[in-house]
Protein backbone atom coordinates (compact mmCIF):
# COMPACT_ATOMS: atom_id res chain seq x y z
CA ILE A 1 0.00 0.00 0.00
CA ARG A 2 1.59 3.24 -1.12
CA SER A 3 -1.33 5.68 -1.05
CA GLY A 4 -4.81 6.24 0.28
CA THR A 5 -6.11 5.31 -3.18
CA ASN A 6 -4.32 1.95 -2.96
CA MET A 7 -5.88 1.45 0.46
CA PHE A 8 -9.35 2.14 -0.94
CA LYS A 9 -8.79 -0.33 -3.80
CA ALA A 10 -7.59 -3.04 -1.41
CA LEU A 11 -10.61 -2.57 0.85
CA ALA A 12 -12.94 -2.62 -2.17
CA LEU A 13 -11.41 -5.93 -3.25
CA GLY A 14 -12.11 -7.49 0.14
CA ALA A 15 -9.12 -6.72 2.36
CA GLU A 16 -9.93 -6.56 6.06
CA CYS A 17 -6.91 -4.41 6.90
CA CYS A 18 -4.04 -2.63 5.18
CA TRP A 19 -0.42 -2.40 6.26
CA VAL A 20 1.74 0.59 5.41
CA GLY A 21 5.51 0.21 5.57
CA ARG A 22 7.65 1.94 3.00
CA PRO A 23 5.74 5.27 2.88
CA ALA A 24 6.11 5.59 6.65
CA LEU A 25 9.87 5.10 6.29
CA TRP A 26 9.98 7.68 3.49
CA GLY A 27 8.17 10.14 5.77
CA LEU A 28 10.55 9.35 8.61
CA ALA A 29 13.59 9.90 6.38
CA TYR A 30 12.09 13.11 4.98
CA ALA A 31 11.23 14.91 8.22
CA GLY A 32 11.33 12.53 11.15
CA GLU A 33 8.17 12.26 13.24
CA ASN A 34 6.59 15.21 11.42
CA GLY A 35 7.17 13.43 8.11
CA VAL A 36 5.33 10.35 9.34
CA ASP A 37 2.48 12.56 10.57
CA LEU A 38 2.33 14.22 7.14
CA MET A 39 2.28 10.83 5.40
CA LEU A 40 -0.59 9.61 7.60
CA GLU A 41 -2.57 12.81 7.01
CA THR A 42 -2.04 12.45 3.26
CA PHE A 43 -3.19 8.81 3.31
CA TYR A 44 -6.27 9.74 5.32
CA ASP A 45 -7.12 12.64 2.98
CA GLU A 46 -6.74 10.43 -0.11
CA LEU A 47 -8.89 7.66 1.40
CA LYS A 48 -11.52 10.18 2.46
CA ARG A 49 -11.56 11.72 -1.04
CA CYS A 50 -12.04 8.30 -2.67
CA MET A 51 -14.87 7.54 -0.26
CA GLN A 52 -16.56 10.86 -1.05
CA LEU A 53 -16.25 10.34 -4.81
CA THR A 54 -17.83 6.88 -4.58
CA GLY A 55 -20.55 7.82 -2.08
CA CYS A 56 -19.22 5.70 0.79
CA ASN A 57 -19.99 7.14 4.21
CA SER A 58 -17.98 4.56 6.17
CA VAL A 59 -15.24 2.01 5.57
CA GLU A 60 -17.82 -0.76 5.89
CA GLU A 61 -19.58 0.59 2.78
CA ILE A 62 -16.50 0.12 0.59
CA THR A 63 -17.36 -2.86 -1.60
CA ARG A 64 -17.08 -3.79 -5.23
């Protein structure tokens, strides 16, 4: 998983959870703890945007 969009796709295909590894390390290398915070905010914003565009009000509503 490298973006909030990837997370949305995985959930739509039936994933029960998503793990994020490399982007968190990129954020850490970029700006330490603040970089990880920025990465998480970006993921959340991207996931939220995908949910809004598809009319999903909760994660449980993300289906094929």
